[in-house]
Amino acid sequence: MIIQTKNLWKTYGSGDTQVNALRGVDLTVNKGDFLALVGPSGCGKSTLLHMLGAMDTPSRGEIMLEGRELGKLGEGQLTDVRLERLGFIFQTFNLVPTLNALENVMLPMKFAGISRREAKQKALCLLDMVGLKERTRHLPAQMSGGQRQRVAIARALANDPALILADEPTGNLDSENSEKIMELLQNLNRKGRTIVMVTHNPELAERVNRVVYMKDGQLAELQRNTKDIQSA
């Protein structure tokens, strides 16, 4: 088990304006899972992803990451968890516009205290892995959306996270680049990476090994995908 939630609630507002974004969510993500969170807008997918990523705190319930309850950690410890144990991929890429591809991938390693020489060597390997060996010196504005997302994936892998969290990673991409990003994520999963992905795209959800359907802040259905994802 990588991460687990127990009776997870998230409430915004109070009184007549109170909204329960999550309502008693119980979810376990095991090592090697590629899990898709799907459902209509406003169902709680992104809220749950933010909770799993220690970017927000629950109103009630527990989140256990590798045996540690996140609610019992201080802000400094949570920062370390986000930096060292979690990798984030966002729909809007969230690259630093003034840093080139190499520097963007090196950034998490710099914050983790890794030497510049080691960080550079690893960043070059990661960029090569995502097919951007020739783009290391390019700024985000000099790259296509698909290239920027591949830089973001390389950055997410920088500190060897236990869990990769992807929030609509193909949402801003055309179909060709969406396919490339999905193939890359599938390949990472085949190599043992654990991934939780929010998506509105049912075709992408068909290509993972677990699908969680959310509705009104609850898990409406949990099923194993019976398709052979190795051949997807």
Protein backbone atom coordinates (compact mmCIF):
# COMPACT_ATOMS: atom_id res chain seq x y z
CA MET A 1 0.00 0.00 0.00
CA ILE A 2 1.34 3.41 -1.01
CA ILE A 3 -1.48 5.65 0.14
CA GLN A 4 -4.83 5.14 1.85
CA THR A 5 -7.71 7.37 2.90
CA LYS A 6 -10.14 6.51 5.68
CA ASN A 7 -13.53 8.24 5.98
CA LEU A 8 -12.16 11.31 4.23
CA TRP A 9 -14.32 14.44 4.28
CA LYS A 10 -13.68 17.92 2.91
CA THR A 11 -16.17 20.65 3.69
CA TYR A 12 -16.10 24.20 2.41
CA GLY A 13 -18.14 27.05 3.88
CA SER A 14 -20.72 26.73 6.65
CA GLY A 15 -24.44 26.95 7.22
CA ASP A 16 -26.50 27.42 4.07
CA THR A 17 -23.35 27.77 1.96
CA GLN A 18 -21.71 24.55 3.20
CA VAL A 19 -20.50 22.20 0.48
CA ASN A 20 -19.18 18.70 1.12
CA ALA A 21 -16.62 18.23 -1.65
CA LEU A 22 -15.65 14.80 -0.25
CA ARG A 23 -17.99 12.62 1.77
CA GLY A 24 -16.46 9.68 3.59
CA VAL A 25 -13.99 8.55 0.92
CA ASP A 26 -12.17 5.27 1.54
CA LEU A 27 -9.49 4.58 -1.04
CA THR A 28 -6.36 2.45 -1.15
CA VAL A 29 -3.67 2.83 -3.82
CA ASN A 30 -1.21 -0.03 -4.02
CA LYS A 31 2.30 -0.06 -5.41
CA GLY A 32 2.24 -0.38 -9.19
CA ASP A 33 -1.33 0.84 -9.64
CA PHE A 34 -2.27 3.14 -12.51
CA LEU A 35 -5.53 4.55 -11.22
CA ALA A 36 -7.85 6.95 -13.03
CA LEU A 37 -10.24 9.21 -11.13
CA VAL A 38 -13.17 9.95 -13.40
CA GLY A 39 -16.55 11.60 -13.02
CA PRO A 40 -18.49 14.79 -13.80
CA SER A 41 -17.13 18.25 -13.06
CA GLY A 42 -17.52 19.12 -9.39
CA CYS A 43 -17.65 15.50 -8.22
CA GLY A 44 -14.54 15.86 -6.05
CA LYS A 45 -11.82 14.36 -8.26
CA SER A 46 -9.35 17.24 -8.02
CA THR A 47 -10.15 17.79 -4.35
CA LEU A 48 -9.27 14.17 -3.63
CA LEU A 49 -6.07 14.45 -5.69
CA HIS A 50 -5.04 17.55 -3.73
CA MET A 51 -5.63 15.64 -0.50
CA LEU A 52 -3.52 12.73 -1.69
CA GLY A 53 -0.81 15.23 -2.60
CA ALA A 54 -0.80 16.89 0.85
CA MET A 55 -1.75 20.17 -0.82
CA ASP A 56 -4.89 20.52 1.29
CA THR A 57 -6.05 19.17 4.63
CA PRO A 58 -9.19 17.10 5.24
CA SER A 59 -12.05 18.31 7.42
CA ARG A 60 -12.32 14.78 8.82
CA GLY A 61 -10.67 11.44 8.28
CA GLU A 62 -7.15 10.16 7.72
CA ILE A 63 -4.63 9.97 4.90
CA MET A 64 -1.84 7.44 5.30
CA LEU A 65 1.18 7.71 2.99
CA GLU A 66 3.63 4.82 3.27
CA GLY A 67 2.39 4.17 6.80
CA ARG A 68 2.56 7.79 8.00
CA GLU A 69 -0.60 9.77 8.79
CA LEU A 70 -0.27 13.10 6.98
CA GLY A 71 -2.55 14.86 9.47
CA LYS A 72 0.01 14.33 12.22
CA LEU A 73 2.88 15.94 10.30
CA GLY A 74 3.98 19.55 10.65
CA GLU A 75 4.15 21.91 7.68
CA GLY A 76 7.90 21.39 7.30
CA GLN A 77 7.43 17.62 7.25
CA LEU A 78 4.60 17.94 4.72
CA THR A 79 6.85 20.05 2.51
CA ASP A 80 9.45 17.28 2.63
CA VAL A 81 6.79 14.69 1.76
CA ARG A 82 5.65 16.69 -1.27
CA LEU A 83 9.23 17.21 -2.39
CA GLU A 84 10.61 13.73 -1.82
CA ARG A 85 7.74 11.23 -1.97
CA LEU A 86 5.26 12.78 -4.40
CA GLY A 87 5.56 13.83 -8.02
CA PHE A 88 3.06 16.27 -9.55
CA ILE A 89 1.96 16.68 -13.18
CA PHE A 90 -0.48 19.52 -13.87
CA GLN A 91 -2.74 20.33 -16.80
CA THR A 92 -1.09 23.76 -17.10
CA PHE A 93 2.45 22.29 -16.83
CA ASN A 94 3.49 24.78 -14.07
CA LEU A 95 7.01 25.17 -15.44
CA VAL A 96 9.09 28.17 -14.37
CA PRO A 97 9.03 30.35 -17.53
CA THR A 98 12.49 31.86 -16.97
CA LEU A 99 14.19 28.45 -16.60
CA ASN A 100 15.06 26.16 -19.47
CA ALA A 101 14.00 22.52 -19.62
CA LEU A 102 17.13 21.28 -17.87
CA GLU A 103 16.84 23.85 -15.06
CA ASN A 104 13.14 23.09 -14.55
CA VAL A 105 13.89 19.40 -14.06
CA MET A 106 16.82 20.17 -11.77
CA LEU A 107 14.76 22.45 -9.52
CA PRO A 108 13.20 19.80 -7.21
CA MET A 109 16.60 18.20 -6.75
CA LYS A 110 18.09 21.56 -5.80
CA PHE A 111 15.42 21.99 -3.12
CA ALA A 112 16.15 18.45 -1.90
CA GLY A 113 19.81 19.34 -1.36
CA ILE A 114 21.25 17.29 -4.22
CA SER A 115 24.50 18.62 -5.63
CA ARG A 116 24.30 20.59 -8.86
CA ARG A 117 26.51 18.09 -10.66
CA GLU A 118 24.39 15.12 -9.66
CA ALA A 119 21.15 16.99 -10.36
CA LYS A 120 22.31 17.99 -13.83
CA GLN A 121 23.36 14.47 -14.72
CA LYS A 122 20.05 13.02 -13.56
CA ALA A 123 18.01 15.76 -15.26
CA LEU A 124 19.77 15.06 -18.56
CA CYS A 125 18.93 11.36 -18.22
CA LEU A 126 15.29 12.14 -17.45
CA LEU A 127 14.96 14.52 -20.41
CA ASP A 128 16.51 11.89 -22.64
CA MET A 129 14.00 9.35 -21.31
CA VAL A 130 11.05 11.57 -22.29
CA GLY A 131 12.54 12.26 -25.71
CA LEU A 132 13.79 15.81 -25.15
CA LYS A 133 17.54 15.34 -25.26
CA GLU A 134 17.81 18.07 -27.89
CA ARG A 135 15.61 20.55 -26.00
CA THR A 136 17.51 20.91 -22.74
CA ARG A 137 18.34 24.60 -23.31
CA HIS A 138 14.89 25.63 -24.53
CA LEU A 139 12.63 27.81 -22.42
CA PRO A 140 9.00 26.72 -21.97
CA ALA A 141 7.83 29.40 -24.42
CA GLN A 142 10.07 27.84 -27.07
CA MET A 143 8.43 24.41 -26.76
CA SER A 144 5.10 22.94 -27.80
CA GLY A 145 2.47 21.97 -25.25
CA GLY A 146 3.39 18.32 -25.58
CA GLN A 147 7.06 19.07 -25.04
CA ARG A 148 6.30 21.18 -21.98
CA GLN A 149 4.23 18.37 -20.51
CA ARG A 150 7.09 15.93 -21.08
CA VAL A 151 9.40 18.32 -19.21
CA ALA A 152 6.83 18.38 -16.41
CA ILE A 153 6.82 14.58 -16.30
CA ALA A 154 10.62 14.50 -16.13
CA ARG A 155 10.48 17.03 -13.29
CA ALA A 156 7.90 14.90 -11.45
CA LEU A 157 10.36 11.98 -11.51
CA ALA A 158 13.33 14.01 -10.30
CA ASN A 159 13.32 12.84 -6.68
CA ASP A 160 12.13 9.26 -7.34
CA PRO A 161 8.65 9.72 -5.85
CA ALA A 162 6.64 6.84 -4.44
CA LEU A 163 3.51 8.24 -6.07
CA ILE A 164 2.89 10.34 -9.19
CA LEU A 165 -0.24 12.53 -9.15
CA ALA A 166 -1.45 13.76 -12.55
CA ASP A 167 -4.27 16.31 -12.78
CA GLU A 168 -5.71 16.24 -16.33
CA PRO A 169 -2.21 15.79 -17.83
CA THR A 170 -3.56 15.80 -21.40
CA GLY A 171 -6.26 18.42 -20.88
CA ASN A 172 -4.43 21.19 -22.78
CA LEU A 173 -3.04 18.98 -25.54
CA ASP A 174 -4.20 17.93 -28.99
CA SER A 175 -4.95 14.29 -29.73
CA GLU A 176 -1.47 13.50 -31.08
CA ASN A 177 0.33 14.91 -28.06
CA SER A 178 -2.25 13.41 -25.70
CA GLU A 179 -1.42 10.00 -27.15
CA LYS A 180 2.32 10.55 -26.64
CA ILE A 181 1.83 11.62 -23.02
CA MET A 182 -0.44 8.67 -22.28
CA GLU A 183 2.05 6.25 -23.83
CA LEU A 184 4.78 7.77 -21.68
CA LEU A 185 2.70 7.42 -18.50
CA GLN A 186 1.82 3.83 -19.37
CA ASN A 187 5.48 3.04 -19.94
CA LEU A 188 6.40 4.55 -16.58
CA ASN A 189 3.71 2.43 -14.93
CA ARG A 190 5.02 -0.73 -16.62
CA LYS A 191 8.40 0.06 -15.10
CA GLY A 192 6.83 0.10 -11.64
CA ARG A 193 5.72 3.70 -11.13
CA THR A 194 2.49 4.21 -9.19
CA ILE A 195 0.21 6.80 -10.78
CA VAL A 196 -3.11 8.42 -9.85
CA MET A 197 -4.57 10.44 -12.72
CA VAL A 198 -7.62 12.70 -12.87
CA THR A 199 -9.18 12.69 -16.33
CA HIS A 200 -12.40 13.59 -18.10
CA ASN A 201 -11.39 11.45 -21.08
CA PRO A 202 -13.07 8.01 -21.02
CA GLU A 203 -10.65 6.72 -23.66
CA LEU A 204 -7.70 7.40 -21.35
CA ALA A 205 -9.51 5.74 -18.45
CA GLU A 206 -9.80 2.58 -20.54
CA ARG A 207 -6.02 2.33 -20.62
CA VAL A 208 -5.26 2.13 -16.90
CA ASN A 209 -5.57 -0.84 -14.57
CA ARG A 210 -7.91 0.73 -12.02
CA VAL A 211 -10.81 3.13 -12.49
CA VAL A 212 -12.51 5.02 -9.67
CA TYR A 213 -15.79 6.68 -10.55
CA MET A 214 -16.69 9.65 -8.36
CA LYS A 215 -20.08 11.25 -7.89
CA ASP A 216 -21.11 13.90 -5.36
CA GLY A 217 -17.92 13.54 -3.35
CA GLN A 218 -18.14 9.77 -3.03
CA LEU A 219 -16.68 6.76 -4.79
CA ALA A 220 -19.61 5.60 -6.88
CA GLU A 221 -17.89 2.54 -8.32
CA LEU A 222 -14.49 0.89 -8.19
CA GLN A 223 -13.56 -1.68 -10.78
CA ARG A 224 -10.54 -3.40 -12.23
CA ASN A 225 -10.07 -2.65 -15.89
CA THR A 226 -10.20 -5.97 -17.71
CA LYS A 227 -8.42 -4.72 -20.80
CA ASP A 228 -4.85 -5.75 -21.46
CA ILE A 229 -3.22 -2.39 -20.79
CA GLN A 230 0.11 -3.72 -22.00
CA SER A 231 -1.29 -3.73 -25.53
CA ALA A 232 -3.29 -0.50 -25.25
